[in-house]
């Protein structure tokens, strides 16, 4: 089963925790064993798994991405001026696979699933695909 979600981002760079939405798909579908794929179909956004206990992790990650990939670089040629967003999205990746066991996402104690916006604010879509082992 494929589920589509739409979200609105509020900043140029933002990490939005979507863990509860993905877990809700498991409940809706009754998935007990298998996996899910969380996929972002955008070239300037991505999906990652990281710590969700301390909000400073998101702040630090965004700041460090900006240090590595500055928004303005005199050698960038991309006409839209968002080369940094493309680089950040490629670094994070467009999808994550998460094992499902006993109806729960098999995440570490401090882990969450994040939609990463790097060229906002925008209206974005991401998908959750169920891979059932039942």
Protein backbone atom coordinates (compact mmCIF):
# COMPACT_ATOMS: atom_id res chain seq x y z
CA UNK A 1 0.00 0.00 0.00
CA UNK A 2 1.25 3.48 -0.88
CA UNK A 3 0.44 6.52 1.25
CA UNK A 4 1.01 10.12 0.17
CA UNK A 5 1.49 13.02 2.58
CA UNK A 6 1.61 16.75 1.91
CA UNK A 7 3.29 19.22 4.21
CA UNK A 8 4.07 22.91 4.15
CA UNK A 9 7.52 24.02 5.15
CA UNK A 10 8.07 27.41 6.74
CA UNK A 11 11.79 28.09 6.30
CA UNK A 12 14.48 27.69 3.67
CA UNK A 13 16.13 24.93 5.76
CA UNK A 14 13.97 22.85 8.08
CA UNK A 15 13.79 19.34 9.52
CA UNK A 16 10.25 18.14 10.21
CA UNK A 17 9.68 15.04 12.35
CA UNK A 18 7.31 12.71 10.45
CA UNK A 19 7.81 9.65 12.66
CA UNK A 20 4.28 9.70 14.10
CA UNK A 21 2.72 9.94 10.61
CA UNK A 22 4.74 6.93 9.44
CA UNK A 23 3.81 4.96 12.57
CA UNK A 24 0.13 5.86 11.96
CA UNK A 25 0.36 4.20 8.53
CA UNK A 26 1.37 0.96 10.26
CA UNK A 27 -1.68 1.13 12.51
CA UNK A 28 -4.00 1.97 9.59
CA UNK A 29 -2.69 -0.92 7.50
CA UNK A 30 -2.33 -3.34 10.41
CA UNK A 31 1.27 -4.10 9.44
CA UNK A 32 2.96 -6.28 12.06
CA UNK A 33 6.09 -7.47 10.23
CA UNK A 34 7.91 -6.07 7.22
CA UNK A 35 9.36 -2.69 6.36
CA UNK A 36 8.42 0.75 5.13
CA UNK A 37 10.12 3.01 2.65
CA UNK A 38 9.79 6.75 3.25
CA UNK A 39 10.54 8.55 -0.02
CA UNK A 40 10.85 12.21 -1.05
CA UNK A 41 10.33 12.97 -4.78
CA UNK A 42 12.00 16.40 -4.66
CA UNK A 43 15.54 17.34 -5.73
CA UNK A 44 15.99 19.96 -3.01
CA UNK A 45 14.57 18.01 -0.05
CA UNK A 46 15.22 14.60 1.48
CA UNK A 47 14.52 12.06 4.20
CA UNK A 48 16.84 11.16 7.07
CA UNK A 49 16.82 9.32 10.39
CA UNK A 50 18.49 11.04 13.31
CA UNK A 51 18.11 11.99 16.97
CA UNK A 52 14.71 13.34 17.98
CA UNK A 53 15.27 13.88 21.71
CA UNK A 54 17.25 17.13 21.62
CA UNK A 55 15.96 19.82 19.20
CA UNK A 56 19.46 21.33 19.07
CA UNK A 57 20.53 18.40 16.88
CA UNK A 58 18.32 19.73 14.05
CA UNK A 59 19.64 23.26 14.56
CA UNK A 60 23.25 22.04 14.56
CA UNK A 61 22.75 19.89 11.47
CA UNK A 62 21.22 22.74 9.48
CA UNK A 63 24.00 25.11 10.56
CA UNK A 64 26.69 22.58 9.59
CA UNK A 65 25.05 21.90 6.21
CA UNK A 66 25.18 25.66 5.59
CA UNK A 67 28.88 25.68 6.50
CA UNK A 68 29.67 22.85 4.09
CA UNK A 69 27.28 24.03 1.36
CA UNK A 70 26.96 27.84 1.54
CA UNK A 71 23.88 29.24 -0.17
CA UNK A 72 25.91 31.62 -2.31
CA UNK A 73 29.13 30.52 -3.97
CA UNK A 74 30.80 32.55 -6.70
CA UNK A 75 31.51 29.46 -8.83
CA UNK A 76 27.96 28.01 -8.80
CA UNK A 77 26.43 28.00 -12.28
CA UNK A 78 22.91 26.66 -11.63
CA UNK A 79 20.49 29.25 -13.00
CA UNK A 80 17.98 28.96 -10.12
CA UNK A 81 20.65 29.77 -7.54
CA UNK A 82 19.84 26.83 -5.30
CA UNK A 83 22.87 24.61 -5.84
CA UNK A 84 23.36 24.37 -2.06
CA UNK A 85 19.87 22.87 -1.70
CA UNK A 86 20.65 20.21 -4.32
CA UNK A 87 23.91 19.32 -2.58
CA UNK A 88 22.24 19.07 0.84
CA UNK A 89 19.44 16.88 -0.54
CA UNK A 90 21.94 14.57 -2.23
CA UNK A 91 23.90 14.29 1.01
CA UNK A 92 20.81 13.40 3.06
CA UNK A 93 19.29 11.14 0.41
CA UNK A 94 15.81 10.77 -0.98
CA UNK A 95 14.60 7.80 1.08
CA UNK A 96 14.95 5.64 4.16
CA UNK A 97 14.02 2.00 4.75
CA UNK A 98 12.78 1.14 8.25
CA UNK A 99 12.19 -2.37 9.55
CA UNK A 100 8.78 -2.99 11.15
CA UNK A 101 8.59 -5.54 13.96
CA UNK A 102 5.54 -6.33 16.05
CA UNK A 103 3.71 -3.35 14.52
CA UNK A 104 6.40 -0.82 15.48
CA UNK A 105 9.07 1.03 13.56
CA UNK A 106 12.38 -0.51 14.58
CA UNK A 107 14.09 2.75 15.47
CA UNK A 108 16.68 3.39 18.15
CA UNK A 109 15.66 4.98 21.44
CA UNK A 110 16.52 8.50 20.29
CA UNK A 111 15.78 8.17 16.57
CA UNK A 112 13.11 9.87 14.49
CA UNK A 113 12.33 10.15 10.77
CA UNK A 114 12.74 13.62 9.31
CA UNK A 115 11.59 15.35 6.15
CA UNK A 116 14.46 17.72 5.35
CA UNK A 117 13.63 20.92 3.49
CA UNK A 118 16.55 22.75 1.88
CA UNK A 119 14.81 25.17 -0.50
CA UNK A 120 11.69 26.38 1.27
CA UNK A 121 9.25 27.49 2.17
CA UNK A 122 7.27 25.19 -0.10
CA UNK A 123 4.42 22.71 -0.23
CA UNK A 124 6.01 19.26 -0.39
CA UNK A 125 4.97 15.65 -0.78
CA UNK A 126 6.48 12.49 0.60
CA UNK A 127 5.43 8.86 0.28
CA UNK A 128 5.32 5.88 2.61
CA UNK A 129 5.34 2.45 0.97
CA UNK A 130 4.48 -0.66 2.97
CA UNK A 131 6.60 -3.75 2.35
CA UNK A 132 4.73 -6.56 4.10
CA UNK A 133 6.38 -9.75 5.29
CA UNK A 134 2.98 -11.26 6.13
